[in-house]
Amino acid sequence: MPKIKVLVVDDHTIVRHGIYALLGLMSDIELVGEAVNGREALEKVKKLMPDIVLMDIAMPLMDGLEATRRICKEFPRTRVIALTQYDDREFVFPVIEAGARGFISKTAASSELASAIRSVYRGDSYLSPSVARVFVEGYQQGIDVDTVREQDPYRQLTNREREILKLLAEGHTTQEIATMLVLSPKTIDRHKTNLMAKLAIHSRADLIKYALRKGIITI
């Protein structure tokens, strides 16, 4: 019986290595590669053709939402499972809308992660219990998913603005970001002004708090 080929996408090395250690013990799962951002994930999917992609959401260069949309559109035989530490409505609804077939917390046990991979590989969907609760509560409260999605200011940011938001929250200076992204400092400042206006954030401290709350960075 062929093994389930899995690609791990996360910009934190320790997370990728942890997943490798956990899933490496599963006889029916083969870890075929890793990527550190959405852009690299697309390249690896094209090259490796994995069955499952474990996708982090907040990453530089291209975030997990955009990468999920593109993978689901361009490589329909590859299925995406979102892997993140936050499971509130602001995360769950956009990820599912983007085409992810599963959503699981980074705090999940290895057995649950393996179960999610197997379920999605079989053609089913998988939601961790906490995420399933979000959907049930949304239904019971009559929440309009489209309204929740449209009200989230993070969705109004461009991919570049999301990338710069993450780098700023991580403590990088304007000059450092300009060098990393091969852009001018003036361009970075313009993106910074635009993203802070869209999020109604007025200080670096509030930006960091927002990034922590959204799971864009972790302590």
C-alpha atoms as a PDB file:
ATOM      1  CA  MET A   1       0.000   0.000   0.000  1.00  0.00           C
ATOM      2  CA  PRO A   2       1.486   3.399  -0.976  1.00  0.00           C
ATOM      3  CA  LYS A   3       2.429   5.779   1.784  1.00  0.00           C
ATOM      4  CA  ILE A   4       0.743   9.164   2.205  1.00  0.00           C
ATOM      5  CA  LYS A   5       3.186  11.798   0.940  1.00  0.00           C
ATOM      6  CA  VAL A   6       3.249  14.884   3.165  1.00  0.00           C
ATOM      7  CA  LEU A   7       4.857  18.309   2.690  1.00  0.00           C
ATOM      8  CA  VAL A   8       5.360  20.447   5.821  1.00  0.00           C
ATOM      9  CA  VAL A   9       5.155  24.233   5.414  1.00  0.00           C
ATOM     10  CA  ASP A  10       6.147  26.437   8.364  1.00  0.00           C
ATOM     11  CA  ASP A  11       8.645  29.257   8.782  1.00  0.00           C
ATOM     12  CA  HIS A  12       9.792  27.981  12.179  1.00  0.00           C
ATOM     13  CA  THR A  13      12.502  25.331  11.974  1.00  0.00           C
ATOM     14  CA  ILE A  14      11.691  23.864  15.371  1.00  0.00           C
ATOM     15  CA  VAL A  15       8.062  23.317  14.341  1.00  0.00           C
ATOM     16  CA  ARG A  16       9.021  21.557  11.117  1.00  0.00           C
ATOM     17  CA  HIS A  17      11.511  19.341  12.929  1.00  0.00           C
ATOM     18  CA  GLY A  18       8.945  18.521  15.581  1.00  0.00           C
ATOM     19  CA  ILE A  19       6.425  17.429  12.976  1.00  0.00           C
ATOM     20  CA  TYR A  20       9.082  15.370  11.256  1.00  0.00           C
ATOM     21  CA  ALA A  21       9.875  13.619  14.545  1.00  0.00           C
ATOM     22  CA  LEU A  22       6.211  12.905  15.246  1.00  0.00           C
ATOM     23  CA  LEU A  23       5.131  11.719  11.825  1.00  0.00           C
ATOM     24  CA  GLY A  24       8.363   9.895  11.136  1.00  0.00           C
ATOM     25  CA  LEU A  25       7.082   7.226  13.517  1.00  0.00           C
ATOM     26  CA  MET A  26       4.026   6.530  11.338  1.00  0.00           C
ATOM     27  CA  SER A  27       4.565   3.621   8.965  1.00  0.00           C
ATOM     28  CA  ASP A  28       1.931   4.779   6.455  1.00  0.00           C
ATOM     29  CA  ILE A  29       3.129   8.417   6.183  1.00  0.00           C
ATOM     30  CA  GLU A  30       6.136   9.649   4.207  1.00  0.00           C
ATOM     31  CA  LEU A  31       7.489  13.159   4.758  1.00  0.00           C
ATOM     32  CA  VAL A  32       8.677  14.187   1.303  1.00  0.00           C
ATOM     33  CA  GLY A  33       9.805  17.744   1.942  1.00  0.00           C
ATOM     34  CA  GLU A  34       9.463  21.055   3.743  1.00  0.00           C
ATOM     35  CA  ALA A  35       9.039  24.727   2.879  1.00  0.00           C
ATOM     36  CA  VAL A  36       9.465  27.925   4.886  1.00  0.00           C
ATOM     37  CA  ASN A  37       6.879  30.121   3.145  1.00  0.00           C
ATOM     38  CA  GLY A  38       3.950  29.946   0.743  1.00  0.00           C
ATOM     39  CA  ARG A  39       6.012  30.756  -2.305  1.00  0.00           C
ATOM     40  CA  GLU A  40       8.398  27.898  -1.648  1.00  0.00           C
ATOM     41  CA  ALA A  41       5.429  25.648  -0.857  1.00  0.00           C
ATOM     42  CA  LEU A  42       4.055  26.168  -4.375  1.00  0.00           C
ATOM     43  CA  GLU A  43       7.419  25.255  -5.875  1.00  0.00           C
ATOM     44  CA  LYS A  44       7.699  22.136  -3.714  1.00  0.00           C
ATOM     45  CA  VAL A  45       4.145  21.014  -4.500  1.00  0.00           C
ATOM     46  CA  LYS A  46       4.853  21.292  -8.223  1.00  0.00           C
ATOM     47  CA  LYS A  47       8.081  19.326  -7.844  1.00  0.00           C
ATOM     48  CA  LEU A  48       7.085  16.703  -5.256  1.00  0.00           C
ATOM     49  CA  MET A  49       3.325  16.342  -5.851  1.00  0.00           C
ATOM     50  CA  PRO A  50       2.499  15.502  -2.206  1.00  0.00           C
ATOM     51  CA  ASP A  51      -0.857  14.075  -1.212  1.00  0.00           C
ATOM     52  CA  ILE A  52      -1.139  16.359   1.813  1.00  0.00           C
ATOM     53  CA  VAL A  53       0.298  19.768   2.678  1.00  0.00           C
ATOM     54  CA  LEU A  54       0.456  20.773   6.336  1.00  0.00           C
ATOM     55  CA  MET A  55       0.196  24.536   6.005  1.00  0.00           C
ATOM     56  CA  ASP A  56       1.038  27.223   8.538  1.00  0.00           C
ATOM     57  CA  ILE A  57      -0.891  30.466   8.018  1.00  0.00           C
ATOM     58  CA  ALA A  58       1.350  33.385   9.024  1.00  0.00           C
ATOM     59  CA  MET A  59       4.537  33.257   6.943  1.00  0.00           C
ATOM     60  CA  PRO A  60       6.712  35.714   4.985  1.00  0.00           C
ATOM     61  CA  LEU A  61       6.836  36.149   1.170  1.00  0.00           C
ATOM     62  CA  MET A  62       3.441  34.471   0.737  1.00  0.00           C
ATOM     63  CA  ASP A  63       1.140  33.604   3.622  1.00  0.00           C
ATOM     64  CA  GLY A  64      -0.651  30.303   4.091  1.00  0.00           C
ATOM     65  CA  LEU A  65      -4.036  31.607   2.981  1.00  0.00           C
ATOM     66  CA  GLU A  66      -2.815  32.669  -0.450  1.00  0.00           C
ATOM     67  CA  ALA A  67      -0.699  29.536  -0.812  1.00  0.00           C
ATOM     68  CA  THR A  68      -3.709  27.383   0.072  1.00  0.00           C
ATOM     69  CA  ARG A  69      -5.880  29.120  -2.518  1.00  0.00           C
ATOM     70  CA  ARG A  70      -3.287  28.624  -5.235  1.00  0.00           C
ATOM     71  CA  ILE A  71      -2.487  25.026  -4.367  1.00  0.00           C
ATOM     72  CA  CYS A  72      -6.162  24.072  -4.320  1.00  0.00           C
ATOM     73  CA  LYS A  73      -6.677  25.756  -7.678  1.00  0.00           C
ATOM     74  CA  GLU A  74      -3.500  24.675  -9.459  1.00  0.00           C
ATOM     75  CA  PHE A  75      -2.987  21.245  -7.864  1.00  0.00           C
ATOM     76  CA  PRO A  76      -6.465  19.917  -7.016  1.00  0.00           C
ATOM     77  CA  ARG A  77      -5.163  16.428  -6.193  1.00  0.00           C
ATOM     78  CA  THR A  78      -3.084  17.859  -3.342  1.00  0.00           C
ATOM     79  CA  ARG A  79      -5.103  18.521  -0.208  1.00  0.00           C
ATOM     80  CA  VAL A  80      -4.257  21.151   2.392  1.00  0.00           C
ATOM     81  CA  ILE A  81      -4.556  20.892   6.153  1.00  0.00           C
ATOM     82  CA  ALA A  82      -4.127  24.188   7.996  1.00  0.00           C
ATOM     83  CA  LEU A  83      -1.858  23.832  10.997  1.00  0.00           C
ATOM     84  CA  THR A  84      -1.944  26.780  13.380  1.00  0.00           C
ATOM     85  CA  GLN A  85      -2.121  27.580  17.058  1.00  0.00           C
ATOM     86  CA  TYR A  86      -5.244  29.736  16.831  1.00  0.00           C
ATOM     87  CA  ASP A  87      -8.761  28.504  16.117  1.00  0.00           C
ATOM     88  CA  ASP A  88     -11.014  31.559  16.355  1.00  0.00           C
ATOM     89  CA  ARG A  89     -13.420  32.633  13.621  1.00  0.00           C
ATOM     90  CA  GLU A  90     -10.978  35.112  12.116  1.00  0.00           C
ATOM     91  CA  PHE A  91      -8.728  32.192  11.188  1.00  0.00           C
ATOM     92  CA  VAL A  92     -11.079  29.273  10.622  1.00  0.00           C
ATOM     93  CA  PHE A  93     -13.546  30.711   8.116  1.00  0.00           C
ATOM     94  CA  PRO A  94     -10.977  32.227   5.696  1.00  0.00           C
ATOM     95  CA  VAL A  95      -8.852  29.057   5.713  1.00  0.00           C
ATOM     96  CA  ILE A  96     -11.787  26.790   4.926  1.00  0.00           C
ATOM     97  CA  GLU A  97     -12.976  29.228   2.265  1.00  0.00           C
ATOM     98  CA  ALA A  98      -9.499  29.133   0.707  1.00  0.00           C
ATOM     99  CA  GLY A  99      -9.947  25.410   0.124  1.00  0.00           C
ATOM    100  CA  ALA A 100      -8.310  23.687   3.090  1.00  0.00           C
ATOM    101  CA  ARG A 101      -9.799  20.258   3.795  1.00  0.00           C
ATOM    102  CA  GLY A 102      -8.693  20.237   7.405  1.00  0.00           C
ATOM    103  CA  PHE A 103      -7.840  22.519  10.310  1.00  0.00           C
ATOM    104  CA  ILE A 104      -5.826  21.357  13.296  1.00  0.00           C
ATOM    105  CA  SER A 105      -4.062  23.040  16.192  1.00  0.00           C
ATOM    106  CA  LYS A 106      -0.289  22.916  16.622  1.00  0.00           C
ATOM    107  CA  THR A 107      -0.938  21.770  20.165  1.00  0.00           C
ATOM    108  CA  ALA A 108      -2.654  18.596  18.961  1.00  0.00           C
ATOM    109  CA  ALA A 109      -1.237  15.201  19.860  1.00  0.00           C
ATOM    110  CA  SER A 110       0.695  13.296  17.216  1.00  0.00           C
ATOM    111  CA  SER A 111      -2.098  10.735  17.010  1.00  0.00           C
ATOM    112  CA  GLU A 112      -4.632  13.463  16.154  1.00  0.00           C
ATOM    113  CA  LEU A 113      -2.353  14.923  13.494  1.00  0.00           C
ATOM    114  CA  ALA A 114      -1.916  11.496  11.925  1.00  0.00           C
ATOM    115  CA  SER A 115      -5.686  10.927  12.037  1.00  0.00           C
ATOM    116  CA  ALA A 116      -6.275  14.254  10.294  1.00  0.00           C
ATOM    117  CA  ILE A 117      -3.803  13.354   7.546  1.00  0.00           C
ATOM    118  CA  ARG A 118      -5.399   9.946   6.994  1.00  0.00           C
ATOM    119  CA  SER A 119      -8.938  11.347   6.981  1.00  0.00           C
ATOM    120  CA  VAL A 120      -8.173  14.081   4.462  1.00  0.00           C
ATOM    121  CA  TYR A 121      -6.186  11.625   2.315  1.00  0.00           C
ATOM    122  CA  ARG A 122      -9.286   9.382   2.155  1.00  0.00           C
ATOM    123  CA  GLY A 123     -11.305  12.309   0.853  1.00  0.00           C
ATOM    124  CA  ASP A 124     -12.931  13.354   4.109  1.00  0.00           C
ATOM    125  CA  SER A 125     -12.560  16.633   5.968  1.00  0.00           C
ATOM    126  CA  TYR A 126     -11.083  17.024   9.423  1.00  0.00           C
ATOM    127  CA  LEU A 127     -11.679  19.705  12.031  1.00  0.00           C
ATOM    128  CA  SER A 128     -10.121  19.535  15.454  1.00  0.00           C
ATOM    129  CA  PRO A 129     -12.746  19.583  18.245  1.00  0.00           C
ATOM    130  CA  SER A 130     -12.137  23.238  19.104  1.00  0.00           C
ATOM    131  CA  VAL A 131     -12.596  24.246  15.459  1.00  0.00           C
ATOM    132  CA  ALA A 132     -15.724  22.158  15.093  1.00  0.00           C
ATOM    133  CA  ARG A 133     -17.095  24.036  18.100  1.00  0.00           C
ATOM    134  CA  VAL A 134     -16.512  27.343  16.299  1.00  0.00           C
ATOM    135  CA  PHE A 135     -18.662  26.153  13.402  1.00  0.00           C
ATOM    136  CA  VAL A 136     -21.409  24.822  15.657  1.00  0.00           C
ATOM    137  CA  GLU A 137     -21.527  28.017  17.686  1.00  0.00           C
ATOM    138  CA  GLY A 138     -21.551  30.086  14.511  1.00  0.00           C
ATOM    139  CA  TYR A 139     -24.498  28.107  13.178  1.00  0.00           C
ATOM    140  CA  GLN A 140     -26.407  28.284  16.458  1.00  0.00           C
ATOM    141  CA  GLN A 141     -25.833  32.023  16.742  1.00  0.00           C
ATOM    142  CA  GLY A 142     -26.842  32.610  13.145  1.00  0.00           C
ATOM    143  CA  ILE A 143     -23.473  34.062  12.211  1.00  0.00           C
ATOM    144  CA  ASP A 144     -23.146  35.059   8.565  1.00  0.00           C
ATOM    145  CA  VAL A 145     -19.755  33.700   7.488  1.00  0.00           C
ATOM    146  CA  ASP A 146     -19.490  36.244   4.674  1.00  0.00           C
ATOM    147  CA  THR A 147     -20.061  39.058   7.150  1.00  0.00           C
ATOM    148  CA  VAL A 148     -17.404  37.732   9.534  1.00  0.00           C
ATOM    149  CA  ARG A 149     -14.970  37.445   6.646  1.00  0.00           C
ATOM    150  CA  GLU A 150     -15.609  40.928   5.312  1.00  0.00           C
ATOM    151  CA  GLN A 151     -15.315  42.494   8.763  1.00  0.00           C
ATOM    152  CA  ASP A 152     -11.833  41.118   9.377  1.00  0.00           C
ATOM    153  CA  PRO A 153      -9.427  43.988   8.539  1.00  0.00           C
ATOM    154  CA  TYR A 154      -6.533  41.542   8.142  1.00  0.00           C
ATOM    155  CA  ARG A 155      -8.188  40.292   4.954  1.00  0.00           C
ATOM    156  CA  GLN A 156      -7.937  43.795   3.529  1.00  0.00           C
ATOM    157  CA  LEU A 157      -4.142  43.700   3.664  1.00  0.00           C
ATOM    158  CA  THR A 158      -2.185  42.849   0.543  1.00  0.00           C
ATOM    159  CA  ASN A 159       0.248  39.928   0.641  1.00  0.00           C
ATOM    160  CA  ARG A 160       3.126  42.397   0.811  1.00  0.00           C
ATOM    161  CA  GLU A 161       1.520  44.269   3.717  1.00  0.00           C
ATOM    162  CA  ARG A 162       1.004  40.998   5.603  1.00  0.00           C
ATOM    163  CA  GLU A 163       4.617  40.099   5.015  1.00  0.00           C
ATOM    164  CA  ILE A 164       5.841  43.460   6.301  1.00  0.00           C
ATOM    165  CA  LEU A 165       3.460  43.290   9.267  1.00  0.00           C
ATOM    166  CA  LYS A 166       5.058  40.006  10.351  1.00  0.00           C
ATOM    167  CA  LEU A 167       8.589  41.314   9.936  1.00  0.00           C
ATOM    168  CA  LEU A 168       7.822  44.517  11.838  1.00  0.00           C
ATOM    169  CA  ALA A 169       6.215  42.538  14.650  1.00  0.00           C
ATOM    170  CA  GLU A 170       9.311  40.344  14.825  1.00  0.00           C
ATOM    171  CA  GLY A 171      11.352  43.475  15.565  1.00  0.00           C
ATOM    172  CA  HIS A 172      13.055  44.154  12.237  1.00  0.00           C
ATOM    173  CA  THR A 173      13.845  47.758  11.332  1.00  0.00           C
ATOM    174  CA  THR A 174      12.675  49.457   8.150  1.00  0.00           C
ATOM    175  CA  GLN A 175      16.172  49.230   6.681  1.00  0.00           C
ATOM    176  CA  GLU A 176      16.457  45.530   7.542  1.00  0.00           C
ATOM    177  CA  ILE A 177      13.102  44.782   5.922  1.00  0.00           C
ATOM    178  CA  ALA A 178      14.041  46.801   2.845  1.00  0.00           C
ATOM    179  CA  THR A 179      17.212  44.758   2.489  1.00  0.00           C
ATOM    180  CA  MET A 180      15.407  41.446   3.023  1.00  0.00           C
ATOM    181  CA  LEU A 181      12.685  42.227   0.478  1.00  0.00           C
ATOM    182  CA  VAL A 182      14.928  44.109  -1.956  1.00  0.00           C
ATOM    183  CA  LEU A 183      12.812  47.246  -1.725  1.00  0.00           C
ATOM    184  CA  SER A 184      13.572  50.844  -0.804  1.00  0.00           C
ATOM    185  CA  PRO A 185      13.047  52.057   2.786  1.00  0.00           C
ATOM    186  CA  LYS A 186      10.500  54.581   1.447  1.00  0.00           C
ATOM    187  CA  THR A 187       8.472  51.747  -0.059  1.00  0.00           C
ATOM    188  CA  ILE A 188       8.546  49.852   3.244  1.00  0.00           C
ATOM    189  CA  ASP A 189       7.419  52.971   5.107  1.00  0.00           C
ATOM    190  CA  ARG A 190       4.546  53.431   2.673  1.00  0.00           C
ATOM    191  CA  HIS A 191       3.393  49.832   3.165  1.00  0.00           C
ATOM    192  CA  LYS A 192       3.759  50.253   6.919  1.00  0.00           C
ATOM    193  CA  THR A 193       1.589  53.375   6.914  1.00  0.00           C
ATOM    194  CA  ASN A 194      -1.061  51.676   4.774  1.00  0.00           C
ATOM    195  CA  LEU A 195      -1.271  48.500   6.827  1.00  0.00           C
ATOM    196  CA  MET A 196      -1.442  50.345  10.137  1.00  0.00           C
ATOM    197  CA  ALA A 197      -4.237  52.529   8.776  1.00  0.00           C
ATOM    198  CA  LYS A 198      -6.211  49.498   7.602  1.00  0.00           C
ATOM    199  CA  LEU A 199      -5.816  47.823  11.000  1.00  0.00           C
ATOM    200  CA  ALA A 200      -6.438  51.054  12.940  1.00  0.00           C
ATOM    201  CA  ILE A 201      -3.133  50.562  14.750  1.00  0.00           C
ATOM    202  CA  HIS A 202      -1.129  53.604  15.801  1.00  0.00           C
ATOM    203  CA  SER A 203       2.024  52.301  17.480  1.00  0.00           C
ATOM    204  CA  ARG A 204       4.651  49.573  17.196  1.00  0.00           C
ATOM    205  CA  ALA A 205       3.541  48.156  20.551  1.00  0.00           C
ATOM    206  CA  ASP A 206      -0.063  47.811  19.383  1.00  0.00           C
ATOM    207  CA  LEU A 207       1.154  46.228  16.143  1.00  0.00           C
ATOM    208  CA  ILE A 208       3.056  43.587  18.110  1.00  0.00           C
ATOM    209  CA  LYS A 209       0.037  42.921  20.332  1.00  0.00           C
ATOM    210  CA  TYR A 210      -2.139  42.513  17.244  1.00  0.00           C
ATOM    211  CA  ALA A 211       0.343  40.105  15.648  1.00  0.00           C
ATOM    212  CA  LEU A 212       0.460  38.014  18.812  1.00  0.00           C
ATOM    213  CA  ARG A 213      -3.323  37.933  19.094  1.00  0.00           C
ATOM    214  CA  LYS A 214      -3.678  36.863  15.463  1.00  0.00           C
ATOM    215  CA  GLY A 215      -0.980  34.227  15.749  1.00  0.00           C
ATOM    216  CA  ILE A 216       1.204  35.997  13.191  1.00  0.00           C
ATOM    217  CA  ILE A 217       4.102  35.781  15.637  1.00  0.00           C
ATOM    218  CA  THR A 218       4.590  33.799  18.820  1.00  0.00           C
ATOM    219  CA  ILE A 219       6.582  34.426  21.964  1.00  0.00           C
END
